[in-house]
């Protein structure tokens, strides 16, 4: 997690972050609850995203071929289940 005093780029609303990452706003909301998504800021009742954590999250999901992609969950919201299964093994 990045230091709160170090800005990590422009702050975006969930809808702006969804457009930036190419996922639905509802998917970002599910990932905030279940885990596996990009880091976000909770500013009172407001949720915001910074660009660098979004870029880092997208880069973690990068694959060079279909064999490499097997390590990634089939669905974005399945990431928590995949991480738990990996930890149990």
N, C-alpha and C. Protein backbone atom coordinates (compact mmCIF):
# COMPACT_ATOMS: atom_id res chain seq x y z
N UNK A 1 0.84 -1.17 0.00
CA UNK A 1 0.00 0.00 0.00
C UNK A 1 0.89 1.24 0.00
N UNK A 2 0.54 2.23 -0.78
CA UNK A 2 1.37 3.42 -0.89
C UNK A 2 1.16 4.34 0.31
N UNK A 3 2.15 5.15 0.55
CA UNK A 3 2.10 6.11 1.65
C UNK A 3 1.03 7.15 1.35
N UNK A 4 0.23 7.49 2.34
CA UNK A 4 -0.88 8.43 2.16
C UNK A 4 -0.38 9.83 1.82
N UNK A 5 0.85 10.17 2.21
CA UNK A 5 1.35 11.52 1.96
C UNK A 5 1.94 11.66 0.56
N UNK A 6 2.13 10.56 -0.15
CA UNK A 6 2.71 10.60 -1.48
C UNK A 6 1.61 10.46 -2.52
N UNK A 7 1.33 11.53 -3.29
CA UNK A 7 0.27 11.41 -4.29
C UNK A 7 0.65 10.39 -5.36
N UNK A 8 -0.33 9.60 -5.77
CA UNK A 8 -0.10 8.56 -6.78
C UNK A 8 -0.82 8.89 -8.07
N UNK A 9 -0.88 10.15 -8.40
CA UNK A 9 -1.52 10.57 -9.65
C UNK A 9 -2.87 11.20 -9.40
N UNK A 10 -3.55 11.54 -10.48
CA UNK A 10 -4.85 12.20 -10.35
C UNK A 10 -5.87 11.30 -9.66
N UNK A 11 -6.77 11.90 -8.92
CA UNK A 11 -7.82 11.16 -8.22
C UNK A 11 -9.03 11.05 -9.14
N UNK A 12 -9.58 9.84 -9.24
CA UNK A 12 -10.72 9.57 -10.12
C UNK A 12 -11.89 9.04 -9.32
N UNK A 13 -13.08 9.33 -9.79
CA UNK A 13 -14.29 8.75 -9.21
C UNK A 13 -14.38 7.29 -9.67
N UNK A 14 -15.25 6.50 -9.05
CA UNK A 14 -15.41 5.11 -9.51
C UNK A 14 -15.80 5.01 -10.99
N UNK A 15 -16.65 5.91 -11.47
CA UNK A 15 -17.04 5.83 -12.88
C UNK A 15 -15.87 6.19 -13.79
N UNK A 16 -15.04 7.15 -13.39
CA UNK A 16 -13.85 7.49 -14.18
C UNK A 16 -12.84 6.34 -14.14
N UNK A 17 -12.68 5.72 -12.97
CA UNK A 17 -11.77 4.58 -12.84
C UNK A 17 -12.25 3.40 -13.68
N UNK A 18 -13.56 3.20 -13.74
CA UNK A 18 -14.12 2.12 -14.55
C UNK A 18 -13.83 2.36 -16.03
N UNK A 19 -13.99 3.59 -16.49
CA UNK A 19 -13.67 3.90 -17.88
C UNK A 19 -12.17 3.70 -18.14
N UNK A 20 -11.35 4.12 -17.19
CA UNK A 20 -9.89 4.03 -17.34
C UNK A 20 -9.42 2.58 -17.41
N UNK A 21 -10.01 1.71 -16.59
CA UNK A 21 -9.58 0.31 -16.54
C UNK A 21 -10.34 -0.58 -17.52
N UNK A 22 -11.49 -0.13 -17.97
CA UNK A 22 -12.29 -0.94 -18.89
C UNK A 22 -13.18 -1.95 -18.21
N UNK A 23 -13.42 -1.79 -16.91
CA UNK A 23 -14.35 -2.69 -16.20
C UNK A 23 -15.57 -1.88 -15.76
N UNK A 24 -16.63 -2.57 -15.42
CA UNK A 24 -17.86 -1.91 -15.00
C UNK A 24 -17.71 -1.30 -13.61
N UNK A 25 -18.46 -0.25 -13.36
CA UNK A 25 -18.48 0.38 -12.03
C UNK A 25 -18.90 -0.65 -10.98
N UNK A 26 -19.88 -1.49 -11.32
CA UNK A 26 -20.34 -2.51 -10.37
C UNK A 26 -19.25 -3.54 -10.07
N UNK A 27 -18.40 -3.83 -11.04
CA UNK A 27 -17.29 -4.76 -10.81
C UNK A 27 -16.29 -4.16 -9.83
N UNK A 28 -15.99 -2.88 -10.00
CA UNK A 28 -15.10 -2.21 -9.03
C UNK A 28 -15.71 -2.25 -7.63
N UNK A 29 -17.03 -2.05 -7.54
CA UNK A 29 -17.70 -2.08 -6.23
C UNK A 29 -17.59 -3.47 -5.61
N UNK A 30 -17.79 -4.51 -6.40
CA UNK A 30 -17.66 -5.88 -5.88
C UNK A 30 -16.24 -6.15 -5.40
N UNK A 31 -15.27 -5.69 -6.18
CA UNK A 31 -13.88 -5.93 -5.79
C UNK A 31 -13.51 -5.14 -4.53
N UNK A 32 -14.13 -3.98 -4.32
CA UNK A 32 -13.87 -3.25 -3.06
C UNK A 32 -14.36 -4.05 -1.87
N UNK A 33 -15.49 -4.75 -2.03
CA UNK A 33 -16.04 -5.55 -0.93
C UNK A 33 -15.32 -6.88 -0.76
N UNK A 34 -15.03 -7.57 -1.85
CA UNK A 34 -14.51 -8.93 -1.79
C UNK A 34 -13.00 -9.01 -1.88
N UNK A 35 -12.36 -7.93 -2.31
CA UNK A 35 -10.91 -7.95 -2.46
C UNK A 35 -10.50 -8.30 -3.87
N UNK A 36 -9.21 -8.16 -4.15
CA UNK A 36 -8.68 -8.50 -5.45
C UNK A 36 -8.64 -7.36 -6.43
N UNK A 37 -9.19 -6.22 -6.07
CA UNK A 37 -9.22 -5.08 -6.97
C UNK A 37 -8.10 -4.10 -6.68
N UNK A 38 -8.11 -2.99 -7.39
CA UNK A 38 -7.09 -1.97 -7.17
C UNK A 38 -7.28 -1.26 -5.83
N UNK A 39 -6.20 -0.71 -5.31
CA UNK A 39 -6.29 0.09 -4.09
C UNK A 39 -7.19 1.28 -4.36
N UNK A 40 -7.92 1.68 -3.33
CA UNK A 40 -8.81 2.83 -3.46
C UNK A 40 -8.71 3.69 -2.21
N UNK A 41 -9.22 4.89 -2.30
CA UNK A 41 -9.26 5.81 -1.17
C UNK A 41 -10.68 5.90 -0.67
N UNK A 42 -10.87 5.94 0.62
CA UNK A 42 -12.17 6.16 1.22
C UNK A 42 -12.10 7.51 1.91
N UNK A 43 -12.73 8.49 1.34
CA UNK A 43 -12.70 9.87 1.85
C UNK A 43 -14.08 10.21 2.38
N UNK A 44 -14.31 9.90 3.66
CA UNK A 44 -15.66 10.04 4.20
C UNK A 44 -16.53 8.98 3.55
N UNK A 45 -17.61 9.41 2.90
CA UNK A 45 -18.47 8.47 2.17
C UNK A 45 -18.05 8.32 0.72
N UNK A 46 -17.10 9.11 0.29
CA UNK A 46 -16.66 9.11 -1.11
C UNK A 46 -15.57 8.06 -1.34
N UNK A 47 -15.67 7.37 -2.46
CA UNK A 47 -14.64 6.42 -2.89
C UNK A 47 -13.91 7.05 -4.06
N UNK A 48 -12.59 6.96 -4.05
CA UNK A 48 -11.79 7.53 -5.13
C UNK A 48 -10.64 6.58 -5.45
N UNK A 49 -10.13 6.72 -6.65
CA UNK A 49 -9.00 5.90 -7.12
C UNK A 49 -7.91 6.84 -7.63
N UNK A 50 -6.65 6.44 -7.41
CA UNK A 50 -5.52 7.16 -7.97
C UNK A 50 -5.00 6.39 -9.18
N UNK A 51 -4.40 7.08 -10.11
CA UNK A 51 -3.98 6.46 -11.37
C UNK A 51 -2.91 5.39 -11.19
N UNK A 52 -1.89 5.64 -10.38
CA UNK A 52 -0.80 4.67 -10.24
C UNK A 52 -1.27 3.32 -9.71
N UNK A 53 -2.07 3.26 -8.64
CA UNK A 53 -2.56 1.94 -8.21
C UNK A 53 -3.42 1.24 -9.27
N UNK A 54 -4.16 2.01 -10.07
CA UNK A 54 -4.94 1.40 -11.15
C UNK A 54 -4.00 0.80 -12.20
N UNK A 55 -2.95 1.55 -12.54
CA UNK A 55 -1.96 1.04 -13.50
C UNK A 55 -1.26 -0.21 -12.96
N UNK A 56 -0.90 -0.19 -11.68
CA UNK A 56 -0.24 -1.35 -11.06
C UNK A 56 -1.16 -2.58 -11.11
N UNK A 57 -2.43 -2.38 -10.79
CA UNK A 57 -3.40 -3.48 -10.80
C UNK A 57 -3.56 -4.04 -12.21
N UNK A 58 -3.66 -3.15 -13.20
CA UNK A 58 -3.78 -3.62 -14.58
C UNK A 58 -2.53 -4.40 -15.00
N UNK A 59 -1.36 -3.94 -14.61
CA UNK A 59 -0.11 -4.61 -14.99
C UNK A 59 0.02 -5.99 -14.34
N UNK A 60 -0.55 -6.17 -13.14
CA UNK A 60 -0.53 -7.48 -12.48
C UNK A 60 -1.36 -8.49 -13.26
N UNK A 61 -2.29 -8.02 -14.05
CA UNK A 61 -3.18 -8.89 -14.81
C UNK A 61 -2.69 -9.11 -16.24
N UNK A 62 -1.51 -8.63 -16.55
CA UNK A 62 -0.95 -8.74 -17.90
C UNK A 62 -0.46 -10.18 -18.13
N UNK A 63 -0.75 -10.70 -19.33
CA UNK A 63 -0.30 -12.05 -19.71
C UNK A 63 0.31 -11.98 -21.10
N UNK A 64 1.33 -12.80 -21.33
CA UNK A 64 2.01 -12.82 -22.63
C UNK A 64 1.41 -13.86 -23.58
N UNK A 65 0.77 -14.89 -23.02
CA UNK A 65 0.16 -15.93 -23.85
C UNK A 65 -0.94 -16.61 -23.03
N UNK A 66 -1.64 -17.55 -23.66
CA UNK A 66 -2.76 -18.19 -22.95
C UNK A 66 -2.29 -19.06 -21.79
N UNK A 67 -1.10 -19.64 -21.88
CA UNK A 67 -0.58 -20.43 -20.76
C UNK A 67 -0.29 -19.54 -19.57
N UNK A 68 0.25 -18.38 -19.83
CA UNK A 68 0.53 -17.41 -18.77
C UNK A 68 -0.77 -16.90 -18.16
N UNK A 69 -1.81 -16.82 -18.96
CA UNK A 69 -3.09 -16.31 -18.48
C UNK A 69 -3.78 -17.29 -17.54
N UNK A 70 -3.37 -18.56 -17.54
CA UNK A 70 -3.98 -19.55 -16.66
C UNK A 70 -3.80 -19.20 -15.18
N UNK A 71 -2.78 -18.43 -14.85
CA UNK A 71 -2.56 -18.05 -13.45
C UNK A 71 -3.57 -16.99 -12.99
N UNK A 72 -4.24 -16.36 -13.93
CA UNK A 72 -5.22 -15.32 -13.61
C UNK A 72 -6.60 -15.94 -13.43
N UNK A 73 -7.43 -15.38 -12.55
CA UNK A 73 -8.80 -15.90 -12.41
C UNK A 73 -9.60 -15.64 -13.68
N UNK A 74 -10.55 -16.52 -13.96
CA UNK A 74 -11.38 -16.36 -15.16
C UNK A 74 -12.23 -15.10 -15.07
N UNK A 75 -12.69 -14.78 -13.89
CA UNK A 75 -13.51 -13.59 -13.67
C UNK A 75 -12.80 -12.68 -12.69
N UNK A 76 -12.98 -11.39 -12.87
CA UNK A 76 -12.32 -10.42 -11.97
C UNK A 76 -12.75 -10.62 -10.53
N UNK A 77 -14.02 -10.93 -10.31
CA UNK A 77 -14.51 -11.05 -8.94
C UNK A 77 -14.19 -12.40 -8.32
N UNK A 78 -13.55 -13.32 -9.08
CA UNK A 78 -13.12 -14.62 -8.54
C UNK A 78 -11.72 -14.55 -7.95
N UNK A 79 -11.08 -13.40 -8.02
CA UNK A 79 -9.69 -13.27 -7.60
C UNK A 79 -9.50 -13.64 -6.12
N UNK A 80 -10.44 -13.29 -5.28
CA UNK A 80 -10.33 -13.61 -3.86
C UNK A 80 -10.34 -15.11 -3.65
N UNK A 81 -11.19 -15.82 -4.37
CA UNK A 81 -11.28 -17.27 -4.25
C UNK A 81 -9.98 -17.91 -4.72
N UNK A 82 -9.41 -17.41 -5.81
CA UNK A 82 -8.16 -17.94 -6.35
C UNK A 82 -7.03 -17.73 -5.37
N UNK A 83 -6.96 -16.55 -4.75
CA UNK A 83 -5.90 -16.24 -3.78
C UNK A 83 -6.04 -17.16 -2.56
N UNK A 84 -7.26 -17.42 -2.11
CA UNK A 84 -7.47 -18.28 -0.96
C UNK A 84 -7.06 -19.72 -1.27
N UNK A 85 -7.37 -20.17 -2.47
CA UNK A 85 -7.00 -21.53 -2.88
C UNK A 85 -5.49 -21.67 -2.98
N UNK A 86 -4.82 -20.65 -3.47
CA UNK A 86 -3.35 -20.67 -3.58
C UNK A 86 -2.70 -20.71 -2.20
N UNK A 87 -3.27 -19.97 -1.26
CA UNK A 87 -2.73 -19.92 0.08
C UNK A 87 -2.92 -21.26 0.81
N UNK A 88 -4.01 -21.96 0.51
CA UNK A 88 -4.29 -23.23 1.16
C UNK A 88 -3.39 -24.35 0.64
N UNK A 89 -2.93 -24.21 -0.59
CA UNK A 89 -2.10 -25.28 -1.21
C UNK A 89 -0.68 -25.29 -0.71
